[in-house]
């Protein structure tokens, strides 16, 4: 165990990650890992990329390799992953895998474990963002629904509503009655518009001399009236 195992593992890794692995020295290299964003995360941001840098101690694999996690140079910060904040947490997630694989080549297993841990961290944050959005939507819907919800009816509120309704109903009936009376008053003819009485009608009613005779009713004046003479 020792250097020969390290060389052998390095050769195997070259066949697994031909385009992702880059040597730094004879005993160290780095592997590029592309992470898959969560399915429920809708964004145009590029998939985050990180490097796992591996350095072999002389006694590896009987002891743990030296590991470092880094972002590519000039890489933009991803909304769901920040290696400045997450590096220590991700390295801690690898400790159980290291302990389980002491004495064996473990770098491929560590790469898989790191990818899984990073994607799990992204999923948790994406779920938190989605939950926040759903909560805001639910709150907005609740506020909207309140506009269509009536007030809880109690006996006191019902009696209050009934009294108000009856009062409004009486006021409406009174208004209609007043409008009807006003309309009928407008339609009723005035005294001047009534047909003038004939001379006979005036005489019979004792109204002769109180008004002008109708020209058409002159012939109806009693003959006795026509023969009356004014004496001195």
C-alpha atoms as a PDB file:
ATOM      1  CA  UNK A   1       0.000   0.000   0.000  1.00  0.00           C
ATOM      2  CA  UNK A   2       1.253   3.487  -0.695  1.00  0.00           C
ATOM      3  CA  UNK A   3       2.604   5.141  -3.780  1.00  0.00           C
ATOM      4  CA  UNK A   4       1.717   2.287  -6.114  1.00  0.00           C
ATOM      5  CA  UNK A   5      -1.914   2.434  -5.033  1.00  0.00           C
ATOM      6  CA  UNK A   6      -1.944   6.152  -5.591  1.00  0.00           C
ATOM      7  CA  UNK A   7      -0.607   5.836  -9.160  1.00  0.00           C
ATOM      8  CA  UNK A   8      -3.088   3.095  -9.948  1.00  0.00           C
ATOM      9  CA  UNK A   9      -6.022   5.113  -8.643  1.00  0.00           C
ATOM     10  CA  UNK A  10      -4.880   8.152 -10.618  1.00  0.00           C
ATOM     11  CA  UNK A  11      -4.885   6.109 -13.836  1.00  0.00           C
ATOM     12  CA  UNK A  12      -8.383   4.795 -13.143  1.00  0.00           C
ATOM     13  CA  UNK A  13      -9.654   8.299 -12.496  1.00  0.00           C
ATOM     14  CA  UNK A  14      -8.234   9.459 -15.832  1.00  0.00           C
ATOM     15  CA  UNK A  15     -10.447   6.942 -17.606  1.00  0.00           C
ATOM     16  CA  UNK A  16     -13.517   8.005 -15.600  1.00  0.00           C
ATOM     17  CA  UNK A  17     -12.958  11.788 -15.788  1.00  0.00           C
ATOM     18  CA  UNK A  18     -10.882  12.272 -18.968  1.00  0.00           C
ATOM     19  CA  UNK A  19     -11.907  15.899 -19.468  1.00  0.00           C
ATOM     20  CA  UNK A  20     -12.524  16.836 -15.838  1.00  0.00           C
ATOM     21  CA  UNK A  21      -9.237  15.860 -14.161  1.00  0.00           C
ATOM     22  CA  UNK A  22      -6.136  18.064 -14.139  1.00  0.00           C
ATOM     23  CA  UNK A  23      -2.800  17.280 -12.505  1.00  0.00           C
ATOM     24  CA  UNK A  24      -1.261  19.809 -10.173  1.00  0.00           C
ATOM     25  CA  UNK A  25       1.747  17.741  -9.159  1.00  0.00           C
ATOM     26  CA  UNK A  26       2.769  14.083  -9.002  1.00  0.00           C
ATOM     27  CA  UNK A  27       0.677  13.577  -5.884  1.00  0.00           C
ATOM     28  CA  UNK A  28      -2.139  16.072  -6.345  1.00  0.00           C
ATOM     29  CA  UNK A  29      -4.805  16.866  -8.893  1.00  0.00           C
ATOM     30  CA  UNK A  30      -8.226  18.436  -9.127  1.00  0.00           C
ATOM     31  CA  UNK A  31     -11.468  17.142 -10.561  1.00  0.00           C
ATOM     32  CA  UNK A  32     -14.142  19.397 -12.026  1.00  0.00           C
ATOM     33  CA  UNK A  33     -17.674  18.564 -10.833  1.00  0.00           C
ATOM     34  CA  UNK A  34     -20.752  19.965 -12.602  1.00  0.00           C
ATOM     35  CA  UNK A  35     -23.798  20.059 -10.377  1.00  0.00           C
ATOM     36  CA  UNK A  36     -27.358  19.495 -11.573  1.00  0.00           C
ATOM     37  CA  UNK A  37     -29.772  22.202 -10.314  1.00  0.00           C
ATOM     38  CA  UNK A  38     -33.027  21.095  -8.645  1.00  0.00           C
ATOM     39  CA  UNK A  39     -35.928  20.298 -10.940  1.00  0.00           C
ATOM     40  CA  UNK A  40     -38.224  22.784  -9.210  1.00  0.00           C
ATOM     41  CA  UNK A  41     -35.731  25.635  -9.575  1.00  0.00           C
ATOM     42  CA  UNK A  42     -36.539  27.806 -12.584  1.00  0.00           C
ATOM     43  CA  UNK A  43     -33.655  30.037 -13.500  1.00  0.00           C
ATOM     44  CA  UNK A  44     -31.463  30.935 -16.437  1.00  0.00           C
ATOM     45  CA  UNK A  45     -28.326  30.726 -14.287  1.00  0.00           C
ATOM     46  CA  UNK A  46     -25.712  28.244 -15.486  1.00  0.00           C
ATOM     47  CA  UNK A  47     -25.235  24.998 -13.606  1.00  0.00           C
ATOM     48  CA  UNK A  48     -22.788  25.564 -10.750  1.00  0.00           C
ATOM     49  CA  UNK A  49     -19.300  24.072 -11.044  1.00  0.00           C
ATOM     50  CA  UNK A  50     -16.813  23.271  -8.320  1.00  0.00           C
ATOM     51  CA  UNK A  51     -13.382  21.641  -8.059  1.00  0.00           C
ATOM     52  CA  UNK A  52     -12.393  18.907  -5.655  1.00  0.00           C
ATOM     53  CA  UNK A  53      -8.640  19.153  -5.153  1.00  0.00           C
ATOM     54  CA  UNK A  54      -6.992  15.963  -3.896  1.00  0.00           C
ATOM     55  CA  UNK A  55      -3.493  15.618  -2.438  1.00  0.00           C
ATOM     56  CA  UNK A  56      -2.068  12.251  -1.431  1.00  0.00           C
ATOM     57  CA  UNK A  57      -0.277  11.939   1.884  1.00  0.00           C
ATOM     58  CA  UNK A  58       2.514   9.350   1.810  1.00  0.00           C
ATOM     59  CA  UNK A  59       0.424   6.811   3.763  1.00  0.00           C
ATOM     60  CA  UNK A  60      -2.734   7.167   1.610  1.00  0.00           C
ATOM     61  CA  UNK A  61      -5.072   5.218   1.393  1.00  0.00           C
ATOM     62  CA  UNK A  62      -4.435   4.102   4.966  1.00  0.00           C
ATOM     63  CA  UNK A  63      -4.955   7.718   5.942  1.00  0.00           C
ATOM     64  CA  UNK A  64      -7.378  10.296   4.583  1.00  0.00           C
ATOM     65  CA  UNK A  65      -6.382  12.351   1.522  1.00  0.00           C
ATOM     66  CA  UNK A  66      -6.030  16.094   1.858  1.00  0.00           C
ATOM     67  CA  UNK A  67      -9.095  17.673   0.281  1.00  0.00           C
ATOM     68  CA  UNK A  68      -9.974  21.192  -0.769  1.00  0.00           C
ATOM     69  CA  UNK A  69     -13.107  22.514  -2.486  1.00  0.00           C
ATOM     70  CA  UNK A  70     -12.863  25.551  -4.750  1.00  0.00           C
ATOM     71  CA  UNK A  71     -14.854  27.406  -7.377  1.00  0.00           C
ATOM     72  CA  UNK A  72     -13.549  28.005 -10.903  1.00  0.00           C
ATOM     73  CA  UNK A  73     -11.693  31.304 -11.399  1.00  0.00           C
ATOM     74  CA  UNK A  74     -14.009  34.260 -12.109  1.00  0.00           C
ATOM     75  CA  UNK A  75     -17.073  32.046 -11.586  1.00  0.00           C
ATOM     76  CA  UNK A  76     -20.234  33.996 -10.788  1.00  0.00           C
ATOM     77  CA  UNK A  77     -21.965  33.299  -7.519  1.00  0.00           C
ATOM     78  CA  UNK A  78     -24.848  30.872  -7.927  1.00  0.00           C
ATOM     79  CA  UNK A  79     -28.133  31.731  -6.177  1.00  0.00           C
ATOM     80  CA  UNK A  80     -28.241  28.322  -4.489  1.00  0.00           C
ATOM     81  CA  UNK A  81     -24.564  27.709  -3.711  1.00  0.00           C
ATOM     82  CA  UNK A  82     -21.836  29.899  -2.230  1.00  0.00           C
ATOM     83  CA  UNK A  83     -18.584  28.045  -1.627  1.00  0.00           C
ATOM     84  CA  UNK A  84     -17.259  30.758   0.651  1.00  0.00           C
ATOM     85  CA  UNK A  85     -20.068  29.909   3.040  1.00  0.00           C
ATOM     86  CA  UNK A  86     -20.649  26.258   2.135  1.00  0.00           C
ATOM     87  CA  UNK A  87     -17.084  24.896   1.856  1.00  0.00           C
ATOM     88  CA  UNK A  88     -16.754  23.806   5.478  1.00  0.00           C
ATOM     89  CA  UNK A  89     -20.193  22.214   5.503  1.00  0.00           C
ATOM     90  CA  UNK A  90     -19.497  20.231   2.341  1.00  0.00           C
ATOM     91  CA  UNK A  91     -16.142  19.008   3.632  1.00  0.00           C
ATOM     92  CA  UNK A  92     -17.814  17.841   6.836  1.00  0.00           C
ATOM     93  CA  UNK A  93     -20.284  15.762   4.828  1.00  0.00           C
ATOM     94  CA  UNK A  94     -17.328  13.804   3.381  1.00  0.00           C
ATOM     95  CA  UNK A  95     -15.958  12.657   6.732  1.00  0.00           C
ATOM     96  CA  UNK A  96     -18.230   9.594   7.096  1.00  0.00           C
ATOM     97  CA  UNK A  97     -17.286   8.459   3.573  1.00  0.00           C
ATOM     98  CA  UNK A  98     -13.591   8.853   4.368  1.00  0.00           C
ATOM     99  CA  UNK A  99     -13.856   6.836   7.557  1.00  0.00           C
ATOM    100  CA  UNK A 100     -15.781   4.054   5.831  1.00  0.00           C
ATOM    101  CA  UNK A 101     -13.201   3.728   3.038  1.00  0.00           C
ATOM    102  CA  UNK A 102      -9.846   3.935   4.843  1.00  0.00           C
ATOM    103  CA  UNK A 103      -7.437   1.442   3.363  1.00  0.00           C
ATOM    104  CA  UNK A 104      -9.117   1.588  -0.064  1.00  0.00           C
ATOM    105  CA  UNK A 105      -9.021   3.932  -3.056  1.00  0.00           C
ATOM    106  CA  UNK A 106     -11.783   6.387  -2.229  1.00  0.00           C
ATOM    107  CA  UNK A 107     -11.496   9.445  -4.475  1.00  0.00           C
ATOM    108  CA  UNK A 108     -14.215   8.365  -6.928  1.00  0.00           C
ATOM    109  CA  UNK A 109     -16.520   7.694  -3.965  1.00  0.00           C
ATOM    110  CA  UNK A 110     -15.645  11.093  -2.511  1.00  0.00           C
ATOM    111  CA  UNK A 111     -16.455  12.819  -5.810  1.00  0.00           C
ATOM    112  CA  UNK A 112     -19.864  11.124  -5.904  1.00  0.00           C
ATOM    113  CA  UNK A 113     -20.528  11.963  -2.250  1.00  0.00           C
ATOM    114  CA  UNK A 114     -19.547  15.619  -2.765  1.00  0.00           C
ATOM    115  CA  UNK A 115     -21.758  15.978  -5.818  1.00  0.00           C
ATOM    116  CA  UNK A 116     -24.692  14.440  -3.940  1.00  0.00           C
ATOM    117  CA  UNK A 117     -24.165  16.638  -0.871  1.00  0.00           C
ATOM    118  CA  UNK A 118     -23.875  19.836  -2.919  1.00  0.00           C
ATOM    119  CA  UNK A 119     -26.981  19.039  -4.944  1.00  0.00           C
ATOM    120  CA  UNK A 120     -28.872  18.186  -1.761  1.00  0.00           C
ATOM    121  CA  UNK A 121     -27.899  21.548  -0.300  1.00  0.00           C
ATOM    122  CA  UNK A 122     -29.128  23.292  -3.432  1.00  0.00           C
ATOM    123  CA  UNK A 123     -32.383  21.339  -3.322  1.00  0.00           C
ATOM    124  CA  UNK A 124     -33.003  22.398   0.280  1.00  0.00           C
ATOM    125  CA  UNK A 125     -32.527  26.034  -0.606  1.00  0.00           C
ATOM    126  CA  UNK A 126     -34.666  25.727  -3.716  1.00  0.00           C
ATOM    127  CA  UNK A 127     -37.429  24.119  -1.664  1.00  0.00           C
ATOM    128  CA  UNK A 128     -37.189  26.956   0.840  1.00  0.00           C
ATOM    129  CA  UNK A 129     -37.519  29.518  -1.965  1.00  0.00           C
ATOM    130  CA  UNK A 130     -40.460  27.620  -3.437  1.00  0.00           C
ATOM    131  CA  UNK A 131     -42.129  27.328  -0.035  1.00  0.00           C
ATOM    132  CA  UNK A 132     -41.744  31.071   0.495  1.00  0.00           C
ATOM    133  CA  UNK A 133     -43.323  31.780  -2.877  1.00  0.00           C
ATOM    134  CA  UNK A 134     -46.217  29.410  -2.165  1.00  0.00           C
ATOM    135  CA  UNK A 135     -46.737  31.014   1.231  1.00  0.00           C
ATOM    136  CA  UNK A 136     -46.862  34.467  -0.353  1.00  0.00           C
ATOM    137  CA  UNK A 137     -49.305  33.220  -3.004  1.00  0.00           C
ATOM    138  CA  UNK A 138     -51.494  31.577  -0.354  1.00  0.00           C
ATOM    139  CA  UNK A 139     -51.450  34.765   1.708  1.00  0.00           C
ATOM    140  CA  UNK A 140     -52.434  36.839  -1.313  1.00  0.00           C
ATOM    141  CA  UNK A 141     -55.271  34.401  -2.125  1.00  0.00           C
ATOM    142  CA  UNK A 142     -56.451  34.512   1.468  1.00  0.00           C
ATOM    143  CA  UNK A 143     -56.539  38.305   1.392  1.00  0.00           C
ATOM    144  CA  UNK A 144     -58.461  38.176  -1.876  1.00  0.00           C
ATOM    145  CA  UNK A 145     -60.958  35.625  -0.543  1.00  0.00           C
ATOM    146  CA  UNK A 146     -61.670  37.788   2.468  1.00  0.00           C
ATOM    147  CA  UNK A 147     -63.222  40.340   0.146  1.00  0.00           C
ATOM    148  CA  UNK A 148     -65.932  37.815  -0.779  1.00  0.00           C
ATOM    149  CA  UNK A 149     -66.564  36.411   2.680  1.00  0.00           C
ATOM    150  CA  UNK A 150     -69.593  37.745   4.536  1.00  0.00           C
ATOM    151  CA  UNK A 151     -69.743  38.755   8.168  1.00  0.00           C
ATOM    152  CA  UNK A 152     -70.603  36.002  10.630  1.00  0.00           C
ATOM    153  CA  UNK A 153     -74.355  36.199  11.279  1.00  0.00           C
ATOM    154  CA  UNK A 154     -75.527  36.358  14.879  1.00  0.00           C
ATOM    155  CA  UNK A 155     -79.024  36.975  16.252  1.00  0.00           C
ATOM    156  CA  UNK A 156     -78.121  40.542  17.173  1.00  0.00           C
ATOM    157  CA  UNK A 157     -76.664  41.259  13.721  1.00  0.00           C
ATOM    158  CA  UNK A 158     -79.691  39.708  12.033  1.00  0.00           C
ATOM    159  CA  UNK A 159     -82.145  41.860  14.035  1.00  0.00           C
ATOM    160  CA  UNK A 160     -80.064  44.933  13.315  1.00  0.00           C
ATOM    161  CA  UNK A 161     -80.024  44.099   9.620  1.00  0.00           C
ATOM    162  CA  UNK A 162     -83.800  43.394   9.610  1.00  0.00           C
ATOM    163  CA  UNK A 163     -84.613  46.715  11.276  1.00  0.00           C
ATOM    164  CA  UNK A 164     -82.459  48.568   8.786  1.00  0.00           C
ATOM    165  CA  UNK A 165     -84.005  46.671   5.870  1.00  0.00           C
ATOM    166  CA  UNK A 166     -87.599  47.378   6.999  1.00  0.00           C
ATOM    167  CA  UNK A 167     -86.790  51.062   7.432  1.00  0.00           C
ATOM    168  CA  UNK A 168     -85.311  51.251   3.955  1.00  0.00           C
ATOM    169  CA  UNK A 169     -88.356  49.413   2.581  1.00  0.00           C
ATOM    170  CA  UNK A 170     -90.778  51.886   4.220  1.00  0.00           C
ATOM    171  CA  UNK A 171     -88.788  54.824   2.917  1.00  0.00           C
ATOM    172  CA  UNK A 172     -88.900  53.361  -0.568  1.00  0.00           C
ATOM    173  CA  UNK A 173     -92.690  52.850  -0.404  1.00  0.00           C
ATOM    174  CA  UNK A 174     -93.185  56.415   0.846  1.00  0.00           C
ATOM    175  CA  UNK A 175     -91.016  57.756  -1.950  1.00  0.00           C
ATOM    176  CA  UNK A 176     -93.025  55.847  -4.579  1.00  0.00           C
ATOM    177  CA  UNK A 177     -96.305  57.092  -3.084  1.00  0.00           C
ATOM    178  CA  UNK A 178     -95.144  60.703  -3.163  1.00  0.00           C
ATOM    179  CA  UNK A 179     -93.988  60.314  -6.751  1.00  0.00           C
ATOM    180  CA  UNK A 180     -97.356  58.838  -7.736  1.00  0.00           C
ATOM    181  CA  UNK A 181     -99.299  61.667  -6.070  1.00  0.00           C
ATOM    182  CA  UNK A 182     -97.101  64.237  -7.735  1.00  0.00           C
ATOM    183  CA  UNK A 183     -97.660  62.584 -11.111  1.00  0.00           C
ATOM    184  CA  UNK A 184    -101.455  62.500 -10.660  1.00  0.00           C
ATOM    185  CA  UNK A 185    -101.458  66.140  -9.589  1.00  0.00           C
ATOM    186  CA  UNK A 186     -99.689  67.063 -12.782  1.00  0.00           C
ATOM    187  CA  UNK A 187    -102.303  65.207 -14.874  1.00  0.00           C
ATOM    188  CA  UNK A 188    -105.388  66.820 -13.087  1.00  0.00           C
ATOM    189  CA  UNK A 189    -106.722  69.831 -15.140  1.00  0.00           C
ATOM    190  CA  UNK A 190    -106.822  73.255 -13.494  1.00  0.00           C
ATOM    191  CA  UNK A 191    -110.061  75.291 -13.037  1.00  0.00           C
ATOM    192  CA  UNK A 192    -109.257  77.460 -16.026  1.00  0.00           C
ATOM    193  CA  UNK A 193    -108.890  74.418 -18.210  1.00  0.00           C
ATOM    194  CA  UNK A 194    -112.385  73.148 -17.355  1.00  0.00           C
ATOM    195  CA  UNK A 195    -115.014  73.644 -20.039  1.00  0.00           C
ATOM    196  CA  UNK A 196    -117.018  76.857 -19.677  1.00  0.00           C
ATOM    197  CA  UNK A 197    -120.647  76.468 -18.650  1.00  0.00           C
ATOM    198  CA  UNK A 198    -123.431  77.368 -21.098  1.00  0.00           C
ATOM    199  CA  UNK A 199    -125.868  80.162 -20.360  1.00  0.00           C
ATOM    200  CA  UNK A 200    -128.571  77.694 -19.419  1.00  0.00           C
ATOM    201  CA  UNK A 201    -126.173  75.928 -17.013  1.00  0.00           C
ATOM    202  CA  UNK A 202    -125.253  79.239 -15.434  1.00  0.00           C
ATOM    203  CA  UNK A 203    -128.945  80.200 -15.079  1.00  0.00           C
ATOM    204  CA  UNK A 204    -129.918  76.848 -13.642  1.00  0.00           C
ATOM    205  CA  UNK A 205    -127.112  76.969 -11.146  1.00  0.00           C
ATOM    206  CA  UNK A 206    -127.813  80.564 -10.181  1.00  0.00           C
ATOM    207  CA  UNK A 207    -124.504  81.712 -11.576  1.00  0.00           C
ATOM    208  CA  UNK A 208    -125.870  84.099 -14.185  1.00  0.00           C
ATOM    209  CA  UNK A 209    -124.148  87.431 -14.028  1.00  0.00           C
ATOM    210  CA  UNK A 210    -121.062  85.982 -12.323  1.00  0.00           C
ATOM    211  CA  UNK A 211    -119.278  85.188 -15.503  1.00  0.00           C
ATOM    212  CA  UNK A 212    -119.292  85.515 -19.228  1.00  0.00           C
ATOM    213  CA  UNK A 213    -121.624  83.323 -21.229  1.00  0.00           C
ATOM    214  CA  UNK A 214    -120.352  80.949 -23.751  1.00  0.00           C
ATOM    215  CA  UNK A 215    -120.925  82.359 -27.194  1.00  0.00           C
ATOM    216  CA  UNK A 216    -122.293  79.039 -28.332  1.00  0.00           C
ATOM    217  CA  UNK A 217    -124.783  78.994 -25.458  1.00  0.00           C
ATOM    218  CA  UNK A 218    -126.450  82.382 -26.109  1.00  0.00           C
ATOM    219  CA  UNK A 219    -129.508  80.801 -27.683  1.00  0.00           C
ATOM    220  CA  UNK A 220    -130.086  78.862 -24.494  1.00  0.00           C
ATOM    221  CA  UNK A 221    -130.870  81.991 -22.425  1.00  0.00           C
ATOM    222  CA  UNK A 222    -134.517  81.737 -21.326  1.00  0.00           C
ATOM    223  CA  UNK A 223    -136.968  83.778 -23.343  1.00  0.00           C
ATOM    224  CA  UNK A 224    -138.242  85.402 -20.173  1.00  0.00           C
ATOM    225  CA  UNK A 225    -134.805  86.844 -19.568  1.00  0.00           C
ATOM    226  CA  UNK A 226    -134.703  88.297 -23.081  1.00  0.00           C
ATOM    227  CA  UNK A 227    -138.099  90.066 -22.535  1.00  0.00           C
ATOM    228  CA  UNK A 228    -137.090  91.694 -19.315  1.00  0.00           C
ATOM    229  CA  UNK A 229    -137.096  95.452 -19.541  1.00  0.00           C
ATOM    230  CA  UNK A 230    -135.252  97.814 -17.404  1.00  0.00           C
ATOM    231  CA  UNK A 231    -137.692 100.226 -15.842  1.00  0.00           C
ATOM    232  CA  UNK A 232    -136.897 103.577 -14.343  1.00  0.00           C
END
